[in-house]
PDB file of N, CA and C in Angstrom:
ATOM      1  N   MET A   1       8.190  13.852  -2.414  1.00  0.00           N
ATOM      2  CA  MET A   1       8.564  12.561  -1.857  1.00  0.00           C
ATOM      3  C   MET A   1       8.226  12.451  -0.372  1.00  0.00           C
ATOM      4  N   PRO A   2       8.192  13.562   0.361  1.00  0.00           N
ATOM      5  CA  PRO A   2       7.853  13.421   1.780  1.00  0.00           C
ATOM      6  C   PRO A   2       6.515  12.738   2.027  1.00  0.00           C
ATOM      7  N   ALA A   3       5.508  12.997   1.184  1.00  0.00           N
ATOM      8  CA  ALA A   3       4.204  12.358   1.391  1.00  0.00           C
ATOM      9  C   ALA A   3       4.312  10.846   1.247  1.00  0.00           C
ATOM     10  N   ALA A   4       5.074  10.380   0.258  1.00  0.00           N
ATOM     11  CA  ALA A   4       5.239   8.937   0.049  1.00  0.00           C
ATOM     12  C   ALA A   4       5.978   8.301   1.228  1.00  0.00           C
ATOM     13  N   ILE A   5       6.989   8.979   1.715  1.00  0.00           N
ATOM     14  CA  ILE A   5       7.747   8.458   2.856  1.00  0.00           C
ATOM     15  C   ILE A   5       6.857   8.411   4.101  1.00  0.00           C
ATOM     16  N   LEU A   6       6.124   9.498   4.350  1.00  0.00           N
ATOM     17  CA  LEU A   6       5.235   9.523   5.518  1.00  0.00           C
ATOM     18  C   LEU A   6       4.150   8.455   5.411  1.00  0.00           C
ATOM     19  N   TRP A   7       3.608   8.255   4.219  1.00  0.00           N
ATOM     20  CA  TRP A   7       2.585   7.229   4.007  1.00  0.00           C
ATOM     21  C   TRP A   7       3.155   5.842   4.315  1.00  0.00           C
ATOM     22  N   THR A   8       4.371   5.601   3.835  1.00  0.00           N
ATOM     23  CA  THR A   8       5.031   4.309   4.053  1.00  0.00           C
ATOM     24  C   THR A   8       5.244   4.062   5.546  1.00  0.00           C
ATOM     25  N   LEU A   9       5.688   5.086   6.251  1.00  0.00           N
ATOM     26  CA  LEU A   9       5.888   4.950   7.696  1.00  0.00           C
ATOM     27  C   LEU A   9       4.552   4.795   8.431  1.00  0.00           C
ATOM     28  N   ALA A  10       3.526   5.488   7.948  1.00  0.00           N
ATOM     29  CA  ALA A  10       2.200   5.374   8.569  1.00  0.00           C
ATOM     30  C   ALA A  10       1.638   3.958   8.419  1.00  0.00           C
ATOM     31  N   ILE A  11       1.926   3.320   7.287  1.00  0.00           N
ATOM     32  CA  ILE A  11       1.488   1.932   7.093  1.00  0.00           C
ATOM     33  C   ILE A  11       2.110   1.039   8.161  1.00  0.00           C
ATOM     34  N   LEU A  12       3.412   1.194   8.369  1.00  0.00           N
ATOM     35  CA  LEU A  12       4.086   0.367   9.375  1.00  0.00           C
ATOM     36  C   LEU A  12       3.538   0.657  10.766  1.00  0.00           C
ATOM     37  N   ALA A  13       3.298   1.927  11.056  1.00  0.00           N
ATOM     38  CA  ALA A  13       2.740   2.288  12.364  1.00  0.00           C
ATOM     39  C   ALA A  13       1.356   1.667  12.545  1.00  0.00           C
ATOM     40  N   ALA A  14       0.518   1.744  11.523  1.00  0.00           N
ATOM     41  CA  ALA A  14      -0.829   1.179  11.619  1.00  0.00           C
ATOM     42  C   ALA A  14      -0.787  -0.334  11.782  1.00  0.00           C
ATOM     43  N   CYS A  15       0.169  -0.975  11.118  1.00  0.00           N
ATOM     44  CA  CYS A  15       0.300  -2.433  11.233  1.00  0.00           C
ATOM     45  C   CYS A  15       0.871  -2.848  12.579  1.00  0.00           C
ATOM     46  N   SER A  16       1.360  -1.885  13.334  1.00  0.00           N
ATOM     47  CA  SER A  16       1.971  -2.169  14.635  1.00  0.00           C
ATOM     48  C   SER A  16       1.021  -1.941  15.800  1.00  0.00           C
ATOM     49  N   ILE A  17      -0.187  -1.509  15.515  1.00  0.00           N
ATOM     50  CA  ILE A  17      -1.175  -1.288  16.572  1.00  0.00           C
ATOM     51  C   ILE A  17      -1.712  -2.651  17.023  1.00  0.00           C
ATOM     52  N   PRO A  18      -1.772  -2.890  18.321  1.00  0.00           N
ATOM     53  CA  PRO A  18      -2.335  -4.161  18.785  1.00  0.00           C
ATOM     54  C   PRO A  18      -3.750  -4.371  18.238  1.00  0.00           C
ATOM     55  N   GLY A  19      -4.041  -5.590  17.832  1.00  0.00           N
ATOM     56  CA  GLY A  19      -5.342  -5.906  17.265  1.00  0.00           C
ATOM     57  C   GLY A  19      -6.497  -5.601  18.198  1.00  0.00           C
ATOM     58  N   SER A  20      -6.266  -5.746  19.501  1.00  0.00           N
ATOM     59  CA  SER A  20      -7.326  -5.482  20.475  1.00  0.00           C
ATOM     60  C   SER A  20      -7.669  -3.992  20.545  1.00  0.00           C
ATOM     61  N   ASP A  21      -6.771  -3.123  20.047  1.00  0.00           N
ATOM     62  CA  ASP A  21      -7.020  -1.680  20.056  1.00  0.00           C
ATOM     63  C   ASP A  21      -7.752  -1.208  18.794  1.00  0.00           C
ATOM     64  N   LEU A  22      -7.931  -2.098  17.833  1.00  0.00           N
ATOM     65  CA  LEU A  22      -8.600  -1.726  16.588  1.00  0.00           C
ATOM     66  C   LEU A  22     -10.104  -1.934  16.713  1.00  0.00           C
ATOM     67  N   PRO A  23     -10.890  -0.998  16.172  1.00  0.00           N
ATOM     68  CA  PRO A  23     -12.345  -1.164  16.252  1.00  0.00           C
ATOM     69  C   PRO A  23     -12.816  -2.296  15.341  1.00  0.00           C
ATOM     70  N   ASP A  24     -13.901  -2.931  15.722  1.00  0.00           N
ATOM     71  CA  ASP A  24     -14.503  -3.974  14.892  1.00  0.00           C
ATOM     72  C   ASP A  24     -15.825  -3.436  14.366  1.00  0.00           C
ATOM     73  N   PRO A  25     -15.832  -2.954  13.099  1.00  0.00           N
ATOM     74  CA  PRO A  25     -17.060  -2.370  12.564  1.00  0.00           C
ATOM     75  C   PRO A  25     -18.126  -3.409  12.223  1.00  0.00           C
ATOM     76  N   GLY A  26     -17.761  -4.688  12.243  1.00  0.00           N
ATOM     77  CA  GLY A  26     -18.721  -5.740  11.970  1.00  0.00           C
ATOM     78  C   GLY A  26     -19.066  -5.895  10.494  1.00  0.00           C
ATOM     79  N   ILE A  27     -18.245  -5.325   9.614  1.00  0.00           N
ATOM     80  CA  ILE A  27     -18.478  -5.431   8.176  1.00  0.00           C
ATOM     81  C   ILE A  27     -17.509  -6.462   7.618  1.00  0.00           C
ATOM     82  N   PRO A  28     -18.038  -7.562   7.058  1.00  0.00           N
ATOM     83  CA  PRO A  28     -17.152  -8.600   6.517  1.00  0.00           C
ATOM     84  C   PRO A  28     -16.251  -8.048   5.413  1.00  0.00           C
ATOM     85  N   SER A  29     -15.011  -8.456   5.431  1.00  0.00           N
ATOM     86  CA  SER A  29     -14.009  -8.112   4.415  1.00  0.00           C
ATOM     87  C   SER A  29     -13.625  -6.632   4.388  1.00  0.00           C
ATOM     88  N   LEU A  30     -14.087  -5.839   5.336  1.00  0.00           N
ATOM     89  CA  LEU A  30     -13.678  -4.429   5.373  1.00  0.00           C
ATOM     90  C   LEU A  30     -12.167  -4.326   5.531  1.00  0.00           C
ATOM     91  N   ASP A  31     -11.587  -5.228   6.302  1.00  0.00           N
ATOM     92  CA  ASP A  31     -10.140  -5.250   6.510  1.00  0.00           C
ATOM     93  C   ASP A  31      -9.397  -5.360   5.172  1.00  0.00           C
ATOM     94  N   LYS A  32      -9.886  -6.195   4.289  1.00  0.00           N
ATOM     95  CA  LYS A  32      -9.229  -6.374   2.980  1.00  0.00           C
ATOM     96  C   LYS A  32      -9.351  -5.103   2.147  1.00  0.00           C
ATOM     97  N   ALA A  33     -10.502  -4.452   2.202  1.00  0.00           N
ATOM     98  CA  ALA A  33     -10.701  -3.201   1.468  1.00  0.00           C
ATOM     99  C   ALA A  33      -9.772  -2.110   2.003  1.00  0.00           C
ATOM    100  N   VAL A  34      -9.579  -2.088   3.315  1.00  0.00           N
ATOM    101  CA  VAL A  34      -8.659  -1.110   3.913  1.00  0.00           C
ATOM    102  C   VAL A  34      -7.234  -1.380   3.440  1.00  0.00           C
ATOM    103  N   HIS A  35      -6.808  -2.639   3.462  1.00  0.00           N
ATOM    104  CA  HIS A  35      -5.466  -2.983   2.972  1.00  0.00           C
ATOM    105  C   HIS A  35      -5.302  -2.555   1.510  1.00  0.00           C
ATOM    106  N   LEU A  36      -6.289  -2.858   0.688  1.00  0.00           N
ATOM    107  CA  LEU A  36      -6.231  -2.490  -0.723  1.00  0.00           C
ATOM    108  C   LEU A  36      -6.115  -0.977  -0.866  1.00  0.00           C
ATOM    109  N   GLY A  37      -6.925  -0.240  -0.144  1.00  0.00           N
ATOM    110  CA  GLY A  37      -6.906   1.219  -0.237  1.00  0.00           C
ATOM    111  C   GLY A  37      -5.603   1.836   0.238  1.00  0.00           C
ATOM    112  N   VAL A  38      -5.080   1.314   1.328  1.00  0.00           N
ATOM    113  CA  VAL A  38      -3.830   1.846   1.878  1.00  0.00           C
ATOM    114  C   VAL A  38      -2.669   1.615   0.901  1.00  0.00           C
ATOM    115  N   PHE A  39      -2.620   0.433   0.306  1.00  0.00           N
ATOM    116  CA  PHE A  39      -1.533   0.149  -0.624  1.00  0.00           C
ATOM    117  C   PHE A  39      -1.780   0.761  -2.006  1.00  0.00           C
ATOM    118  N   PHE A  40      -3.026   1.069  -2.346  1.00  0.00           N
ATOM    119  CA  PHE A  40      -3.326   1.872  -3.524  1.00  0.00           C
ATOM    120  C   PHE A  40      -2.665   3.242  -3.336  1.00  0.00           C
ATOM    121  N   GLY A  41      -2.849   3.809  -2.153  1.00  0.00           N
ATOM    122  CA  GLY A  41      -2.208   5.087  -1.829  1.00  0.00           C
ATOM    123  C   GLY A  41      -0.698   5.005  -1.915  1.00  0.00           C
ATOM    124  N   PHE A  42      -0.129   3.908  -1.439  1.00  0.00           N
ATOM    125  CA  PHE A  42       1.324   3.692  -1.538  1.00  0.00           C
ATOM    126  C   PHE A  42       1.754   3.781  -2.996  1.00  0.00           C
ATOM    127  N   GLY A  43       1.050   3.052  -3.875  1.00  0.00           N
ATOM    128  CA  GLY A  43       1.406   3.041  -5.291  1.00  0.00           C
ATOM    129  C   GLY A  43       1.306   4.415  -5.925  1.00  0.00           C
ATOM    130  N   VAL A  44       0.215   5.114  -5.679  1.00  0.00           N
ATOM    131  CA  VAL A  44       0.016   6.432  -6.269  1.00  0.00           C
ATOM    132  C   VAL A  44       1.046   7.427  -5.747  1.00  0.00           C
ATOM    133  N   LEU A  45       1.249   7.457  -4.433  1.00  0.00           N
ATOM    134  CA  LEU A  45       2.177   8.439  -3.856  1.00  0.00           C
ATOM    135  C   LEU A  45       3.619   8.212  -4.301  1.00  0.00           C
ATOM    136  N   TRP A  46       4.053   6.957  -4.382  1.00  0.00           N
ATOM    137  CA  TRP A  46       5.422   6.705  -4.837  1.00  0.00           C
ATOM    138  C   TRP A  46       5.571   6.981  -6.332  1.00  0.00           C
ATOM    139  N   MET A  47       4.552   6.699  -7.118  1.00  0.00           N
ATOM    140  CA  MET A  47       4.615   7.053  -8.548  1.00  0.00           C
ATOM    141  C   MET A  47       4.700   8.566  -8.695  1.00  0.00           C
ATOM    142  N   ARG A  48       3.924   9.274  -7.907  1.00  0.00           N
ATOM    143  CA  ARG A  48       3.953  10.745  -7.972  1.00  0.00           C
ATOM    144  C   ARG A  48       5.303  11.286  -7.495  1.00  0.00           C
ATOM    145  N   ALA A  49       5.840  10.690  -6.446  1.00  0.00           N
ATOM    146  CA  ALA A  49       7.132  11.142  -5.918  1.00  0.00           C
ATOM    147  C   ALA A  49       8.250  10.960  -6.941  1.00  0.00           C
ATOM    148  N   LEU A  50       8.138   9.949  -7.757  1.00  0.00           N
ATOM    149  CA  LEU A  50       9.172   9.651  -8.749  1.00  0.00           C
ATOM    150  C   LEU A  50       8.757  10.132 -10.137  1.00  0.00           C
ATOM    151  N   ASP A  51       7.813  11.057 -10.194  1.00  0.00           N
ATOM    152  CA  ASP A  51       7.270  11.564 -11.452  1.00  0.00           C
ATOM    153  C   ASP A  51       8.386  12.053 -12.370  1.00  0.00           C
ATOM    154  N   GLY A  52       8.146  11.906 -13.652  1.00  0.00           N
ATOM    155  CA  GLY A  52       9.150  12.276 -14.638  1.00  0.00           C
ATOM    156  C   GLY A  52       9.888  11.056 -15.144  1.00  0.00           C
ATOM    157  N   ARG A  53       9.773   9.991 -14.422  1.00  0.00           N
ATOM    158  CA  ARG A  53      10.409   8.729 -14.804  1.00  0.00           C
ATOM    159  C   ARG A  53       9.366   7.615 -14.709  1.00  0.00           C
ATOM    160  N   VAL A  54       8.154   7.904 -15.174  1.00  0.00           N
ATOM    161  CA  VAL A  54       7.013   7.008 -14.962  1.00  0.00           C
ATOM    162  C   VAL A  54       7.293   5.588 -15.434  1.00  0.00           C
ATOM    163  N   ARG A  55       7.778   5.436 -16.658  1.00  0.00           N
ATOM    164  CA  ARG A  55       7.997   4.079 -17.168  1.00  0.00           C
ATOM    165  C   ARG A  55       9.077   3.359 -16.378  1.00  0.00           C
ATOM    166  N   ARG A  56      10.122   4.079 -16.021  1.00  0.00           N
ATOM    167  CA  ARG A  56      11.220   3.441 -15.292  1.00  0.00           C
ATOM    168  C   ARG A  56      10.881   3.164 -13.835  1.00  0.00           C
ATOM    169  N   CYS A  57      10.046   3.984 -13.222  1.00  0.00           N
ATOM    170  CA  CYS A  57       9.789   3.802 -11.792  1.00  0.00           C
ATOM    171  C   CYS A  57       8.633   2.849 -11.507  1.00  0.00           C
ATOM    172  N   ALA A  58       7.798   2.563 -12.478  1.00  0.00           N
ATOM    173  CA  ALA A  58       6.643   1.697 -12.226  1.00  0.00           C
ATOM    174  C   ALA A  58       7.076   0.323 -11.720  1.00  0.00           C
ATOM    175  N   GLY A  59       8.087  -0.242 -12.323  1.00  0.00           N
ATOM    176  CA  GLY A  59       8.578  -1.547 -11.882  1.00  0.00           C
ATOM    177  C   GLY A  59       9.131  -1.495 -10.472  1.00  0.00           C
ATOM    178  N   TRP A  60       9.857  -0.423 -10.172  1.00  0.00           N
ATOM    179  CA  TRP A  60      10.417  -0.266  -8.831  1.00  0.00           C
ATOM    180  C   TRP A  60       9.302  -0.123  -7.801  1.00  0.00           C
ATOM    181  N   VAL A  61       8.295   0.698  -8.107  1.00  0.00           N
ATOM    182  CA  VAL A  61       7.191   0.901  -7.167  1.00  0.00           C
ATOM    183  C   VAL A  61       6.424  -0.404  -6.964  1.00  0.00           C
ATOM    184  N   LEU A  62       6.177  -1.131  -8.039  1.00  0.00           N
ATOM    185  CA  LEU A  62       5.500  -2.423  -7.910  1.00  0.00           C
ATOM    186  C   LEU A  62       6.300  -3.390  -7.052  1.00  0.00           C
ATOM    187  N   ALA A  63       7.583  -3.537  -7.368  1.00  0.00           N
ATOM    188  CA  ALA A  63       8.420  -4.492  -6.630  1.00  0.00           C
ATOM    189  C   ALA A  63       8.541  -4.104  -5.162  1.00  0.00           C
ATOM    190  N   SER A  64       8.797  -2.831  -4.902  1.00  0.00           N
ATOM    191  CA  SER A  64       8.958  -2.414  -3.508  1.00  0.00           C
ATOM    192  C   SER A  64       7.630  -2.479  -2.755  1.00  0.00           C
ATOM    193  N   GLY A  65       6.531  -2.145  -3.431  1.00  0.00           N
ATOM    194  CA  GLY A  65       5.218  -2.229  -2.787  1.00  0.00           C
ATOM    195  C   GLY A  65       4.830  -3.652  -2.463  1.00  0.00           C
ATOM    196  N   LEU A  66       5.112  -4.571  -3.387  1.00  0.00           N
ATOM    197  CA  LEU A  66       4.820  -5.981  -3.116  1.00  0.00           C
ATOM    198  C   LEU A  66       5.661  -6.485  -1.952  1.00  0.00           C
ATOM    199  N   ALA A  67       6.945  -6.137  -1.973  1.00  0.00           N
ATOM    200  CA  ALA A  67       7.836  -6.564  -0.884  1.00  0.00           C
ATOM    201  C   ALA A  67       7.400  -5.955   0.451  1.00  0.00           C
ATOM    202  N   TYR A  68       7.035  -4.678   0.436  1.00  0.00           N
ATOM    203  CA  TYR A  68       6.615  -4.014   1.663  1.00  0.00           C
ATOM    204  C   TYR A  68       5.302  -4.598   2.180  1.00  0.00           C
ATOM    205  N   GLY A  69       4.389  -4.920   1.272  1.00  0.00           N
ATOM    206  CA  GLY A  69       3.119  -5.529   1.664  1.00  0.00           C
ATOM    207  C   GLY A  69       3.309  -6.882   2.328  1.00  0.00           C
ATOM    208  N   VAL A  70       4.233  -7.668   1.800  1.00  0.00           N
ATOM    209  CA  VAL A  70       4.541  -8.973   2.404  1.00  0.00           C
ATOM    210  C   VAL A  70       5.274  -8.764   3.730  1.00  0.00           C
ATOM    211  N   PHE A  71       6.220  -7.811   3.739  1.00  0.00           N
ATOM    212  CA  PHE A  71       6.964  -7.526   4.963  1.00  0.00           C
ATOM    213  C   PHE A  71       6.028  -7.135   6.110  1.00  0.00           C
ATOM    214  N   THR A  72       5.033  -6.287   5.823  1.00  0.00           N
ATOM    215  CA  THR A  72       4.142  -5.851   6.906  1.00  0.00           C
ATOM    216  C   THR A  72       3.364  -7.012   7.501  1.00  0.00           C
ATOM    217  N   GLU A  73       3.061  -8.005   6.675  1.00  0.00           N
ATOM    218  CA  GLU A  73       2.364  -9.174   7.208  1.00  0.00           C
ATOM    219  C   GLU A  73       3.297 -10.013   8.093  1.00  0.00           C
ATOM    220  N   PHE A  74       4.539 -10.202   7.659  1.00  0.00           N
ATOM    221  CA  PHE A  74       5.515 -10.894   8.513  1.00  0.00           C
ATOM    222  C   PHE A  74       5.750 -10.104   9.796  1.00  0.00           C
ATOM    223  N   TRP A  75       5.832  -8.781   9.663  1.00  0.00           N
ATOM    224  CA  TRP A  75       6.042  -7.902  10.812  1.00  0.00           C
ATOM    225  C   TRP A  75       4.962  -8.139  11.865  1.00  0.00           C
ATOM    226  N   GLN A  76       3.710  -8.258  11.413  1.00  0.00           N
ATOM    227  CA  GLN A  76       2.621  -8.482  12.361  1.00  0.00           C
ATOM    228  C   GLN A  76       2.762  -9.829  13.073  1.00  0.00           C
ATOM    229  N   GLY A  77       3.342 -10.807  12.410  1.00  0.00           N
ATOM    230  CA  GLY A  77       3.585 -12.099  13.042  1.00  0.00           C
ATOM    231  C   GLY A  77       4.703 -12.050  14.074  1.00  0.00           C
ATOM    232  N   TRP A  78       5.618 -11.100  13.908  1.00  0.00           N
ATOM    233  CA  TRP A  78       6.747 -10.976  14.845  1.00  0.00           C
ATOM    234  C   TRP A  78       6.404 -10.148  16.074  1.00  0.00           C
ATOM    235  N   LEU A  79       5.340  -9.367  15.999  1.00  0.00           N
ATOM    236  CA  LEU A  79       4.994  -8.506  17.129  1.00  0.00           C
ATOM    237  C   LEU A  79       4.578  -9.351  18.332  1.00  0.00           C
ATOM    238  N   PRO A  80       4.930  -8.897  19.536  1.00  0.00           N
ATOM    239  CA  PRO A  80       4.659  -9.700  20.743  1.00  0.00           C
ATOM    240  C   PRO A  80       3.242  -9.527  21.292  1.00  0.00           C
ATOM    241  N   PHE A  81       2.331  -9.002  20.499  1.00  0.00           N
ATOM    242  CA  PHE A  81       0.959  -8.840  20.971  1.00  0.00           C
ATOM    243  C   PHE A  81      -0.015  -9.276  19.886  1.00  0.00           C
ATOM    244  N   ASP A  82      -1.270  -9.004  20.099  1.00  0.00           N
ATOM    245  CA  ASP A  82      -2.383  -9.520  19.317  1.00  0.00           C
ATOM    246  C   ASP A  82      -2.400  -9.035  17.858  1.00  0.00           C
ATOM    247  N   ARG A  83      -1.454  -9.506  17.055  1.00  0.00           N
ATOM    248  CA  ARG A  83      -1.458  -9.286  15.599  1.00  0.00           C
ATOM    249  C   ARG A  83      -0.982 -10.583  14.961  1.00  0.00           C
ATOM    250  N   SER A  84      -1.466 -10.876  13.782  1.00  0.00           N
ATOM    251  CA  SER A  84      -1.027 -12.093  13.106  1.00  0.00           C
ATOM    252  C   SER A  84      -0.988 -11.853  11.600  1.00  0.00           C
ATOM    253  N   PRO A  85      -0.068 -12.519  10.921  1.00  0.00           N
ATOM    254  CA  PRO A  85       0.018 -12.360   9.464  1.00  0.00           C
ATOM    255  C   PRO A  85      -1.162 -13.034   8.777  1.00  0.00           C
ATOM    256  N   ASP A  86      -1.568 -12.458   7.659  1.00  0.00           N
ATOM    257  CA  ASP A  86      -2.698 -13.004   6.912  1.00  0.00           C
ATOM    258  C   ASP A  86      -2.363 -12.958   5.423  1.00  0.00           C
ATOM    259  N   PRO A  87      -2.235 -14.117   4.775  1.00  0.00           N
ATOM    260  CA  PRO A  87      -1.925 -14.127   3.341  1.00  0.00           C
ATOM    261  C   PRO A  87      -2.960 -13.362   2.508  1.00  0.00           C
ATOM    262  N   ALA A  88      -4.215 -13.353   2.933  1.00  0.00           N
ATOM    263  CA  ALA A  88      -5.240 -12.608   2.199  1.00  0.00           C
ATOM    264  C   ALA A  88      -4.995 -11.105   2.292  1.00  0.00           C
ATOM    265  N   ASP A  89      -4.457 -10.644   3.423  1.00  0.00           N
ATOM    266  CA  ASP A  89      -4.086  -9.230   3.550  1.00  0.00           C
ATOM    267  C   ASP A  89      -2.926  -8.911   2.612  1.00  0.00           C
ATOM    268  N   ALA A  90      -1.953  -9.808   2.536  1.00  0.00           N
ATOM    269  CA  ALA A  90      -0.818  -9.598   1.629  1.00  0.00           C
ATOM    270  C   ALA A  90      -1.301  -9.520   0.183  1.00  0.00           C
ATOM    271  N   LEU A  91      -2.269 -10.340  -0.168  1.00  0.00           N
ATOM    272  CA  LEU A  91      -2.839 -10.295  -1.513  1.00  0.00           C
ATOM    273  C   LEU A  91      -3.560  -8.967  -1.748  1.00  0.00           C
ATOM    274  N   ALA A  92      -4.319  -8.515  -0.770  1.00  0.00           N
ATOM    275  CA  ALA A  92      -4.997  -7.218  -0.890  1.00  0.00           C
ATOM    276  C   ALA A  92      -3.977  -6.088  -1.021  1.00  0.00           C
ATOM    277  N   ASN A  93      -2.870  -6.187  -0.288  1.00  0.00           N
ATOM    278  CA  ASN A  93      -1.800  -5.195  -0.407  1.00  0.00           C
ATOM    279  C   ASN A  93      -1.257  -5.177  -1.834  1.00  0.00           C
ATOM    280  N   ALA A  94      -0.997  -6.345  -2.387  1.00  0.00           N
ATOM    281  CA  ALA A  94      -0.445  -6.462  -3.736  1.00  0.00           C
ATOM    282  C   ALA A  94      -1.407  -5.891  -4.775  1.00  0.00           C
ATOM    283  N   VAL A  95      -2.674  -6.223  -4.652  1.00  0.00           N
ATOM    284  CA  VAL A  95      -3.672  -5.710  -5.596  1.00  0.00           C
ATOM    285  C   VAL A  95      -3.754  -4.187  -5.486  1.00  0.00           C
ATOM    286  N   GLY A  96      -3.703  -3.678  -4.267  1.00  0.00           N
ATOM    287  CA  GLY A  96      -3.752  -2.235  -4.064  1.00  0.00           C
ATOM    288  C   GLY A  96      -2.589  -1.515  -4.727  1.00  0.00           C
ATOM    289  N   VAL A  97      -1.376  -2.035  -4.553  1.00  0.00           N
ATOM    290  CA  VAL A  97      -0.202  -1.418  -5.188  1.00  0.00           C
ATOM    291  C   VAL A  97      -0.345  -1.443  -6.703  1.00  0.00           C
ATOM    292  N   MET A  98      -0.738  -2.587  -7.246  1.00  0.00           N
ATOM    293  CA  MET A  98      -0.882  -2.696  -8.699  1.00  0.00           C
ATOM    294  C   MET A  98      -1.926  -1.711  -9.220  1.00  0.00           C
ATOM    295  N   LEU A  99      -3.060  -1.617  -8.555  1.00  0.00           N
ATOM    296  CA  LEU A  99      -4.097  -0.681  -8.990  1.00  0.00           C
ATOM    297  C   LEU A  99      -3.633   0.768  -8.854  1.00  0.00           C
ATOM    298  N   GLY A 100      -2.885   1.063  -7.801  1.00  0.00           N
ATOM    299  CA  GLY A 100      -2.362   2.416  -7.620  1.00  0.00           C
ATOM    300  C   GLY A 100      -1.404   2.817  -8.728  1.00  0.00           C
ATOM    301  N   VAL A 101      -0.503   1.909  -9.093  1.00  0.00           N
ATOM    302  CA  VAL A 101       0.446   2.186 -10.185  1.00  0.00           C
ATOM    303  C   VAL A 101      -0.307   2.346 -11.503  1.00  0.00           C
ATOM    304  N   LEU A 102      -1.237   1.448 -11.770  1.00  0.00           N
ATOM    305  CA  LEU A 102      -2.013   1.544 -13.010  1.00  0.00           C
ATOM    306  C   LEU A 102      -2.835   2.826 -13.061  1.00  0.00           C
ATOM    307  N   ALA A 103      -3.474   3.174 -11.960  1.00  0.00           N
ATOM    308  CA  ALA A 103      -4.274   4.402 -11.920  1.00  0.00           C
ATOM    309  C   ALA A 103      -3.395   5.620 -12.160  1.00  0.00           C
ATOM    310  N   TYR A 104      -2.221   5.654 -11.549  1.00  0.00           N
ATOM    311  CA  TYR A 104      -1.330   6.792 -11.752  1.00  0.00           C
ATOM    312  C   TYR A 104      -0.862   6.866 -13.203  1.00  0.00           C
ATOM    313  N   ARG A 105      -0.488   5.737 -13.752  1.00  0.00           N
ATOM    314  CA  ARG A 105      -0.039   5.728 -15.158  1.00  0.00           C
ATOM    315  C   ARG A 105      -1.154   6.170 -16.089  1.00  0.00           C
ATOM    316  N   PHE A 106      -2.378   5.730 -15.828  1.00  0.00           N
ATOM    317  CA  PHE A 106      -3.518   6.147 -16.639  1.00  0.00           C
ATOM    318  C   PHE A 106      -3.725   7.648 -16.516  1.00  0.00           C
ATOM    319  N   TRP A 107      -3.766   8.136 -15.284  1.00  0.00           N
ATOM    320  CA  TRP A 107      -3.966   9.558 -15.044  1.00  0.00           C
ATOM    321  C   TRP A 107      -2.827  10.372 -15.641  1.00  0.00           C
ATOM    322  N   HIS A 108      -1.606   9.939 -15.429  1.00  0.00           N
ATOM    323  CA  HIS A 108      -0.436  10.665 -15.937  1.00  0.00           C
ATOM    324  C   HIS A 108      -0.461  10.706 -17.458  1.00  0.00           C
ATOM    325  N   GLY A 109      -0.818   9.606 -18.094  1.00  0.00           N
ATOM    326  CA  GLY A 109      -0.892   9.557 -19.552  1.00  0.00           C
ATOM    327  C   GLY A 109      -1.948  10.497 -20.101  1.00  0.00           C
ATOM    328  N   ARG A 110      -3.074  10.591 -19.415  1.00  0.00           N
ATOM    329  CA  ARG A 110      -4.161  11.473 -19.872  1.00  0.00           C
ATOM    330  C   ARG A 110      -3.776  12.934 -19.709  1.00  0.00           C
ATOM    331  N   THR A 111      -3.131  13.282 -18.621  1.00  0.00           N
ATOM    332  CA  THR A 111      -2.803  14.686 -18.381  1.00  0.00           C
ATOM    333  C   THR A 111      -1.631  15.142 -19.237  1.00  0.00           C
ATOM    334  N   THR A 112      -0.688  14.262 -19.547  1.00  0.00           N
ATOM    335  CA  THR A 112       0.450  14.674 -20.380  1.00  0.00           C
ATOM    336  C   THR A 112       0.038  14.804 -21.843  1.00  0.00           C
ATOM    337  N   ARG A 113      -0.948  14.057 -22.279  1.00  0.00           N
ATOM    338  CA  ARG A 113      -1.428  14.175 -23.660  1.00  0.00           C
ATOM    339  C   ARG A 113      -2.169  15.472 -23.881  1.00  0.00           C
ATOM    340  N   ARG A 114      -2.823  15.986 -22.845  1.00  0.00           N
ATOM    341  CA  ARG A 114      -3.578  17.234 -22.965  1.00  0.00           C
ATOM    342  C   ARG A 114      -2.668  18.451 -22.984  1.00  0.00           C
ATOM    343  N   ALA A 115      -1.530  18.348 -22.355  1.00  0.00           N
ATOM    344  CA  ALA A 115      -0.630  19.498 -22.222  1.00  0.00           C
ATOM    345  C   ALA A 115       0.068  19.840 -23.530  1.00  0.00           C
TER     346      ALA A 115
END
């Protein structure tokens, strides 16, 4: 569980960095891919942390990940420096969590059937 907790805190820390301090790689939509990937990690790590209760925890991980993804966007709007909320980022966060949970369930199902 420590990895999931650290990942969750790292997301908040990354969302708290002033926008002017972030590099601009000049690649369109890279920001959305990063959001998706970060929240994919959230989904996988929390599913792994709660392993053994896969069916019961999937709903919790989805709900908390969706709420956290929306919260981080509101958080960026509340910061007193160059950050702003973006509904498209919140959507990328949601898709990332869903894909992370699905990927973990798929992987977990395949590995438990082999054992």
